[in-house]
Amino acid sequence: MSEVIEKAMGSTEPRDETREALLAIVAELIDRARARGTVGQDVTTGDVNMVICGLAAVIRNAAGDWRRYIEVALDGLRPR
């Protein structure tokens, strides 16, 4: 899917209004998770973006078990 989007749009990175809307949604989800105590206080939208990009790379390159990647990544977002 990422490859198709990249070929059609030149990038898989959301731009302009789409990017801003996506970041706002991710920020809201992070705030909700903080309120529930399920993510650390220092988690940012940039952190979530890195996790998503990493997951896409693991899947695209068959670089390991994507389920394990998610486990490890989500562990890193949990409060310490």
PDB file of N, CA and C in Angstrom:
ATOM      1  N   MET A   1       0.824  -1.192   0.000  1.00  0.00           N
ATOM      2  CA  MET A   1       0.000   0.000   0.000  1.00  0.00           C
ATOM      3  C   MET A   1       0.869   1.257   0.000  1.00  0.00           C
ATOM      4  N   SER A   2       1.909   1.251   0.850  1.00  0.00           N
ATOM      5  CA  SER A   2       2.804   2.403   0.904  1.00  0.00           C
ATOM      6  C   SER A   2       3.458   2.662  -0.447  1.00  0.00           C
ATOM      7  N   GLU A   3       3.867   1.589  -1.121  1.00  0.00           N
ATOM      8  CA  GLU A   3       4.520   1.739  -2.420  1.00  0.00           C
ATOM      9  C   GLU A   3       3.575   2.348  -3.448  1.00  0.00           C
ATOM     10  N   VAL A   4       2.333   1.935  -3.459  1.00  0.00           N
ATOM     11  CA  VAL A   4       1.351   2.465  -4.406  1.00  0.00           C
ATOM     12  C   VAL A   4       1.116   3.945  -4.147  1.00  0.00           C
ATOM     13  N   ILE A   5       0.946   4.311  -2.872  1.00  0.00           N
ATOM     14  CA  ILE A   5       0.744   5.724  -2.527  1.00  0.00           C
ATOM     15  C   ILE A   5       1.958   6.546  -2.917  1.00  0.00           C
ATOM     16  N   GLU A   6       3.139   6.018  -2.644  1.00  0.00           N
ATOM     17  CA  GLU A   6       4.370   6.739  -2.977  1.00  0.00           C
ATOM     18  C   GLU A   6       4.508   6.937  -4.484  1.00  0.00           C
ATOM     19  N   LYS A   7       4.196   5.920  -5.258  1.00  0.00           N
ATOM     20  CA  LYS A   7       4.284   6.051  -6.719  1.00  0.00           C
ATOM     21  C   LYS A   7       3.274   7.061  -7.248  1.00  0.00           C
ATOM     22  N   ALA A   8       2.083   7.065  -6.694  1.00  0.00           N
ATOM     23  CA  ALA A   8       1.038   7.977  -7.171  1.00  0.00           C
ATOM     24  C   ALA A   8       1.265   9.410  -6.712  1.00  0.00           C
ATOM     25  N   MET A   9       1.741   9.576  -5.472  1.00  0.00           N
ATOM     26  CA  MET A   9       1.823  10.914  -4.898  1.00  0.00           C
ATOM     27  C   MET A   9       3.251  11.436  -4.778  1.00  0.00           C
ATOM     28  N   GLY A  10       4.242  10.566  -5.001  1.00  0.00           N
ATOM     29  CA  GLY A  10       5.627  10.985  -4.873  1.00  0.00           C
ATOM     30  C   GLY A  10       6.176  10.840  -3.463  1.00  0.00           C
ATOM     31  N   SER A  11       5.291  10.531  -2.512  1.00  0.00           N
ATOM     32  CA  SER A  11       5.692  10.384  -1.116  1.00  0.00           C
ATOM     33  C   SER A  11       4.555   9.722  -0.354  1.00  0.00           C
ATOM     34  N   THR A  12       4.883   9.079   0.747  1.00  0.00           N
ATOM     35  CA  THR A  12       3.840   8.549   1.617  1.00  0.00           C
ATOM     36  C   THR A  12       3.571   9.500   2.780  1.00  0.00           C
ATOM     37  N   GLU A  13       4.332  10.567   2.850  1.00  0.00           N
ATOM     38  CA  GLU A  13       4.187  11.557   3.918  1.00  0.00           C
ATOM     39  C   GLU A  13       2.961  12.433   3.660  1.00  0.00           C
ATOM     40  N   PRO A  14       2.006  12.470   4.607  1.00  0.00           N
ATOM     41  CA  PRO A  14       0.853  13.361   4.440  1.00  0.00           C
ATOM     42  C   PRO A  14       1.317  14.816   4.377  1.00  0.00           C
ATOM     43  N   ARG A  15       0.603  15.628   3.630  1.00  0.00           N
ATOM     44  CA  ARG A  15       0.998  17.024   3.450  1.00  0.00           C
ATOM     45  C   ARG A  15      -0.137  17.975   3.797  1.00  0.00           C
ATOM     46  N   ASP A  16       0.228  19.201   4.076  1.00  0.00           N
ATOM     47  CA  ASP A  16      -0.676  20.321   4.268  1.00  0.00           C
ATOM     48  C   ASP A  16      -1.797  20.015   5.266  1.00  0.00           C
ATOM     49  N   GLU A  17      -3.065  20.209   4.821  1.00  0.00           N
ATOM     50  CA  GLU A  17      -4.197  20.049   5.729  1.00  0.00           C
ATOM     51  C   GLU A  17      -4.322  18.615   6.232  1.00  0.00           C
ATOM     52  N   THR A  18      -3.997  17.667   5.364  1.00  0.00           N
ATOM     53  CA  THR A  18      -4.084  16.266   5.760  1.00  0.00           C
ATOM     54  C   THR A  18      -3.118  15.984   6.891  1.00  0.00           C
ATOM     55  N   ARG A  19      -1.906  16.500   6.772  1.00  0.00           N
ATOM     56  CA  ARG A  19      -0.896  16.309   7.823  1.00  0.00           C
ATOM     57  C   ARG A  19      -1.348  16.933   9.134  1.00  0.00           C
ATOM     58  N   GLU A  20      -1.848  18.155   9.063  1.00  0.00           N
ATOM     59  CA  GLU A  20      -2.289  18.846  10.272  1.00  0.00           C
ATOM     60  C   GLU A  20      -3.455  18.118  10.935  1.00  0.00           C
ATOM     61  N   ALA A  21      -4.396  17.627  10.139  1.00  0.00           N
ATOM     62  CA  ALA A  21      -5.542  16.891  10.690  1.00  0.00           C
ATOM     63  C   ALA A  21      -5.079  15.590  11.341  1.00  0.00           C
ATOM     64  N   LEU A  22      -4.165  14.890  10.682  1.00  0.00           N
ATOM     65  CA  LEU A  22      -3.646  13.640  11.226  1.00  0.00           C
ATOM     66  C   LEU A  22      -2.906  13.876  12.539  1.00  0.00           C
ATOM     67  N   LEU A  23      -2.069  14.899  12.582  1.00  0.00           N
ATOM     68  CA  LEU A  23      -1.338  15.217  13.810  1.00  0.00           C
ATOM     69  C   LEU A  23      -2.286  15.587  14.950  1.00  0.00           C
ATOM     70  N   ALA A  24      -3.361  16.295  14.627  1.00  0.00           N
ATOM     71  CA  ALA A  24      -4.346  16.668  15.655  1.00  0.00           C
ATOM     72  C   ALA A  24      -5.030  15.428  16.227  1.00  0.00           C
ATOM     73  N   ILE A  25      -5.362  14.471  15.360  1.00  0.00           N
ATOM     74  CA  ILE A  25      -6.002  13.237  15.820  1.00  0.00           C
ATOM     75  C   ILE A  25      -5.041  12.432  16.692  1.00  0.00           C
ATOM     76  N   VAL A  26      -3.798  12.322  16.250  1.00  0.00           N
ATOM     77  CA  VAL A  26      -2.799  11.579  17.029  1.00  0.00           C
ATOM     78  C   VAL A  26      -2.579  12.262  18.383  1.00  0.00           C
ATOM     79  N   ALA A  27      -2.510  13.588  18.391  1.00  0.00           N
ATOM     80  CA  ALA A  27      -2.333  14.321  19.650  1.00  0.00           C
ATOM     81  C   ALA A  27      -3.503  14.062  20.593  1.00  0.00           C
ATOM     82  N   GLU A  28      -4.712  14.029  20.060  1.00  0.00           N
ATOM     83  CA  GLU A  28      -5.886  13.759  20.891  1.00  0.00           C
ATOM     84  C   GLU A  28      -5.832  12.341  21.468  1.00  0.00           C
ATOM     85  N   LEU A  29      -5.426  11.383  20.640  1.00  0.00           N
ATOM     86  CA  LEU A  29      -5.308  10.006  21.130  1.00  0.00           C
ATOM     87  C   LEU A  29      -4.242   9.893  22.221  1.00  0.00           C
ATOM     88  N   ILE A  30      -3.135  10.597  22.037  1.00  0.00           N
ATOM     89  CA  ILE A  30      -2.077  10.595  23.051  1.00  0.00           C
ATOM     90  C   ILE A  30      -2.597  11.204  24.356  1.00  0.00           C
ATOM     91  N   ASP A  31      -3.321  12.315  24.255  1.00  0.00           N
ATOM     92  CA  ASP A  31      -3.869  12.956  25.455  1.00  0.00           C
ATOM     93  C   ASP A  31      -4.814  12.012  26.199  1.00  0.00           C
ATOM     94  N   ARG A  32      -5.653  11.303  25.460  1.00  0.00           N
ATOM     95  CA  ARG A  32      -6.574  10.340  26.089  1.00  0.00           C
ATOM     96  C   ARG A  32      -5.793   9.219  26.773  1.00  0.00           C
ATOM     97  N   ALA A  33      -4.770   8.726  26.086  1.00  0.00           N
ATOM     98  CA  ALA A  33      -3.956   7.645  26.658  1.00  0.00           C
ATOM     99  C   ALA A  33      -3.212   8.126  27.895  1.00  0.00           C
ATOM    100  N   ARG A  34      -2.722   9.362  27.885  1.00  0.00           N
ATOM    101  CA  ARG A  34      -2.057   9.922  29.074  1.00  0.00           C
ATOM    102  C   ARG A  34      -3.035   9.978  30.240  1.00  0.00           C
ATOM    103  N   ALA A  35      -4.251  10.437  29.962  1.00  0.00           N
ATOM    104  CA  ALA A  35      -5.265  10.555  31.015  1.00  0.00           C
ATOM    105  C   ALA A  35      -5.580   9.194  31.634  1.00  0.00           C
ATOM    106  N   ARG A  36      -5.495   8.147  30.851  1.00  0.00           N
ATOM    107  CA  ARG A  36      -5.739   6.788  31.349  1.00  0.00           C
ATOM    108  C   ARG A  36      -4.485   6.154  31.947  1.00  0.00           C
ATOM    109  N   GLY A  37      -3.354   6.822  31.755  1.00  0.00           N
ATOM    110  CA  GLY A  37      -2.104   6.299  32.299  1.00  0.00           C
ATOM    111  C   GLY A  37      -1.504   5.172  31.479  1.00  0.00           C
ATOM    112  N   THR A  38      -1.880   5.081  30.198  1.00  0.00           N
ATOM    113  CA  THR A  38      -1.381   3.980  29.371  1.00  0.00           C
ATOM    114  C   THR A  38      -0.181   4.350  28.512  1.00  0.00           C
ATOM    115  N   VAL A  39       0.134   5.642  28.418  1.00  0.00           N
ATOM    116  CA  VAL A  39       1.370   6.063  27.744  1.00  0.00           C
ATOM    117  C   VAL A  39       2.103   7.033  28.651  1.00  0.00           C
ATOM    118  N   GLY A  40       3.393   7.134  28.435  1.00  0.00           N
ATOM    119  CA  GLY A  40       4.208   8.036  29.228  1.00  0.00           C
ATOM    120  C   GLY A  40       3.879   9.497  28.973  1.00  0.00           C
ATOM    121  N   GLN A  41       4.166  10.330  29.950  1.00  0.00           N
ATOM    122  CA  GLN A  41       3.908  11.766  29.827  1.00  0.00           C
ATOM    123  C   GLN A  41       4.767  12.428  28.758  1.00  0.00           C
ATOM    124  N   ASP A  42       5.873  11.778  28.396  1.00  0.00           N
ATOM    125  CA  ASP A  42       6.791  12.371  27.425  1.00  0.00           C
ATOM    126  C   ASP A  42       6.530  11.927  25.985  1.00  0.00           C
ATOM    127  N   VAL A  43       5.518  11.091  25.753  1.00  0.00           N
ATOM    128  CA  VAL A  43       5.219  10.613  24.396  1.00  0.00           C
ATOM    129  C   VAL A  43       4.702  11.768  23.549  1.00  0.00           C
ATOM    130  N   THR A  44       5.212  11.845  22.311  1.00  0.00           N
ATOM    131  CA  THR A  44       4.829  12.923  21.394  1.00  0.00           C
ATOM    132  C   THR A  44       4.245  12.351  20.101  1.00  0.00           C
ATOM    133  N   THR A  45       3.671  13.225  19.294  1.00  0.00           N
ATOM    134  CA  THR A  45       3.184  12.805  17.985  1.00  0.00           C
ATOM    135  C   THR A  45       4.341  12.314  17.121  1.00  0.00           C
ATOM    136  N   GLY A  46       5.500  12.898  17.299  1.00  0.00           N
ATOM    137  CA  GLY A  46       6.688  12.444  16.571  1.00  0.00           C
ATOM    138  C   GLY A  46       7.058  11.011  16.916  1.00  0.00           C
ATOM    139  N   ASP A  47       6.883  10.646  18.184  1.00  0.00           N
ATOM    140  CA  ASP A  47       7.157   9.267  18.600  1.00  0.00           C
ATOM    141  C   ASP A  47       6.218   8.299  17.891  1.00  0.00           C
ATOM    142  N   VAL A  48       4.940   8.647  17.847  1.00  0.00           N
ATOM    143  CA  VAL A  48       3.950   7.787  17.190  1.00  0.00           C
ATOM    144  C   VAL A  48       4.268   7.685  15.701  1.00  0.00           C
ATOM    145  N   ASN A  49       4.659   8.797  15.098  1.00  0.00           N
ATOM    146  CA  ASN A  49       5.027   8.779  13.681  1.00  0.00           C
ATOM    147  C   ASN A  49       6.205   7.847  13.437  1.00  0.00           C
ATOM    148  N   MET A  50       7.212   7.880  14.325  1.00  0.00           N
ATOM    149  CA  MET A  50       8.363   6.980  14.175  1.00  0.00           C
ATOM    150  C   MET A  50       7.939   5.517  14.256  1.00  0.00           C
ATOM    151  N   VAL A  51       7.027   5.209  15.178  1.00  0.00           N
ATOM    152  CA  VAL A  51       6.549   3.838  15.315  1.00  0.00           C
ATOM    153  C   VAL A  51       5.845   3.391  14.034  1.00  0.00           C
ATOM    154  N   ILE A  52       5.005   4.250  13.485  1.00  0.00           N
ATOM    155  CA  ILE A  52       4.277   3.907  12.255  1.00  0.00           C
ATOM    156  C   ILE A  52       5.241   3.734  11.087  1.00  0.00           C
ATOM    157  N   CYS A  53       6.205   4.635  10.959  1.00  0.00           N
ATOM    158  CA  CYS A  53       7.189   4.521   9.874  1.00  0.00           C
ATOM    159  C   CYS A  53       8.022   3.249  10.025  1.00  0.00           C
ATOM    160  N   GLY A  54       8.411   2.955  11.249  1.00  0.00           N
ATOM    161  CA  GLY A  54       9.174   1.737  11.501  1.00  0.00           C
ATOM    162  C   GLY A  54       8.376   0.499  11.153  1.00  0.00           C
ATOM    163  N   LEU A  55       7.096   0.489  11.525  1.00  0.00           N
ATOM    164  CA  LEU A  55       6.238  -0.645  11.198  1.00  0.00           C
ATOM    165  C   LEU A  55       6.120  -0.821   9.692  1.00  0.00           C
ATOM    166  N   ALA A  56       5.929   0.281   8.978  1.00  0.00           N
ATOM    167  CA  ALA A  56       5.837   0.203   7.518  1.00  0.00           C
ATOM    168  C   ALA A  56       7.119  -0.380   6.930  1.00  0.00           C
ATOM    169  N   ALA A  57       8.267   0.023   7.461  1.00  0.00           N
ATOM    170  CA  ALA A  57       9.546  -0.494   6.956  1.00  0.00           C
ATOM    171  C   ALA A  57       9.705  -1.979   7.255  1.00  0.00           C
ATOM    172  N   VAL A  58       9.303  -2.408   8.443  1.00  0.00           N
ATOM    173  CA  VAL A  58       9.390  -3.827   8.792  1.00  0.00           C
ATOM    174  C   VAL A  58       8.535  -4.652   7.836  1.00  0.00           C
ATOM    175  N   ILE A  59       7.318  -4.179   7.587  1.00  0.00           N
ATOM    176  CA  ILE A  59       6.415  -4.916   6.688  1.00  0.00           C
ATOM    177  C   ILE A  59       6.932  -4.878   5.260  1.00  0.00           C
ATOM    178  N   ARG A  60       7.280  -3.688   4.776  1.00  0.00           N
ATOM    179  CA  ARG A  60       7.710  -3.522   3.385  1.00  0.00           C
ATOM    180  C   ARG A  60       8.950  -4.349   3.061  1.00  0.00           C
ATOM    181  N   ASN A  61       9.880  -4.417   4.010  1.00  0.00           N
ATOM    182  CA  ASN A  61      11.148  -5.097   3.766  1.00  0.00           C
ATOM    183  C   ASN A  61      11.204  -6.513   4.330  1.00  0.00           C
ATOM    184  N   ALA A  62      10.080  -6.994   4.821  1.00  0.00           N
ATOM    185  CA  ALA A  62      10.034  -8.319   5.453  1.00  0.00           C
ATOM    186  C   ALA A  62      11.212  -8.474   6.418  1.00  0.00           C
ATOM    187  N   ALA A  63      11.386  -7.442   7.264  1.00  0.00           N
ATOM    188  CA  ALA A  63      12.552  -7.358   8.144  1.00  0.00           C
ATOM    189  C   ALA A  63      12.319  -7.986   9.513  1.00  0.00           C
ATOM    190  N   GLY A  64      11.302  -8.784   9.631  1.00  0.00           N
ATOM    191  CA  GLY A  64      11.025  -9.430  10.913  1.00  0.00           C
ATOM    192  C   GLY A  64       9.537  -9.579  11.107  1.00  0.00           C
ATOM    193  N   ASP A  65       9.185 -10.014  12.298  1.00  0.00           N
ATOM    194  CA  ASP A  65       7.788 -10.228  12.656  1.00  0.00           C
ATOM    195  C   ASP A  65       7.154  -8.896  13.043  1.00  0.00           C
ATOM    196  N   TRP A  66       6.222  -8.419  12.227  1.00  0.00           N
ATOM    197  CA  TRP A  66       5.611  -7.122  12.492  1.00  0.00           C
ATOM    198  C   TRP A  66       4.845  -7.116  13.812  1.00  0.00           C
ATOM    199  N   ARG A  67       4.315  -8.258  14.226  1.00  0.00           N
ATOM    200  CA  ARG A  67       3.607  -8.319  15.504  1.00  0.00           C
ATOM    201  C   ARG A  67       4.573  -8.077  16.670  1.00  0.00           C
ATOM    202  N   ARG A  68       5.733  -8.663  16.575  1.00  0.00           N
ATOM    203  CA  ARG A  68       6.758  -8.455  17.606  1.00  0.00           C
ATOM    204  C   ARG A  68       7.217  -7.005  17.619  1.00  0.00           C
ATOM    205  N   TYR A  69       7.373  -6.426  16.431  1.00  0.00           N
ATOM    206  CA  TYR A  69       7.752  -5.012  16.344  1.00  0.00           C
ATOM    207  C   TYR A  69       6.745  -4.150  17.105  1.00  0.00           C
ATOM    208  N   ILE A  70       5.465  -4.414  16.894  1.00  0.00           N
ATOM    209  CA  ILE A  70       4.429  -3.628  17.572  1.00  0.00           C
ATOM    210  C   ILE A  70       4.534  -3.802  19.089  1.00  0.00           C
ATOM    211  N   GLU A  71       4.742  -5.031  19.539  1.00  0.00           N
ATOM    212  CA  GLU A  71       4.894  -5.272  20.988  1.00  0.00           C
ATOM    213  C   GLU A  71       6.033  -4.436  21.563  1.00  0.00           C
ATOM    214  N   VAL A  72       7.175  -4.483  20.905  1.00  0.00           N
ATOM    215  CA  VAL A  72       8.352  -3.755  21.383  1.00  0.00           C
ATOM    216  C   VAL A  72       8.102  -2.248  21.335  1.00  0.00           C
ATOM    217  N   ALA A  73       7.535  -1.779  20.239  1.00  0.00           N
ATOM    218  CA  ALA A  73       7.287  -0.338  20.080  1.00  0.00           C
ATOM    219  C   ALA A  73       6.284   0.162  21.123  1.00  0.00           C
ATOM    220  N   LEU A  74       5.202  -0.565  21.325  1.00  0.00           N
ATOM    221  CA  LEU A  74       4.202  -0.125  22.302  1.00  0.00           C
ATOM    222  C   LEU A  74       4.767  -0.170  23.716  1.00  0.00           C
ATOM    223  N   ASP A  75       5.612  -1.125  24.000  1.00  0.00           N
ATOM    224  CA  ASP A  75       6.290  -1.155  25.304  1.00  0.00           C
ATOM    225  C   ASP A  75       7.073   0.129  25.534  1.00  0.00           C
ATOM    226  N   GLY A  76       7.699   0.618  24.493  1.00  0.00           N
ATOM    227  CA  GLY A  76       8.488   1.837  24.603  1.00  0.00           C
ATOM    228  C   GLY A  76       7.654   3.088  24.847  1.00  0.00           C
ATOM    229  N   LEU A  77       6.367   3.045  24.528  1.00  0.00           N
ATOM    230  CA  LEU A  77       5.485   4.197  24.743  1.00  0.00           C
ATOM    231  C   LEU A  77       4.822   4.182  26.117  1.00  0.00           C
ATOM    232  N   ARG A  78       4.888   3.050  26.794  1.00  0.00           N
ATOM    233  CA  ARG A  78       4.231   2.929  28.107  1.00  0.00           C
ATOM    234  C   ARG A  78       4.958   3.759  29.162  1.00  0.00           C
ATOM    235  N   PRO A  79       4.209   4.141  30.207  1.00  0.00           N
ATOM    236  CA  PRO A  79       4.852   4.911  31.290  1.00  0.00           C
ATOM    237  C   PRO A  79       5.929   4.089  31.984  1.00  0.00           C
ATOM    238  N   ARG A  80       6.938   4.744  32.463  1.00  0.00           N
ATOM    239  CA  ARG A  80       8.038   4.068  33.158  1.00  0.00           C
ATOM    240  C   ARG A  80       7.839   4.140  34.650  1.00  0.00           C
TER     241      ARG A  80
END
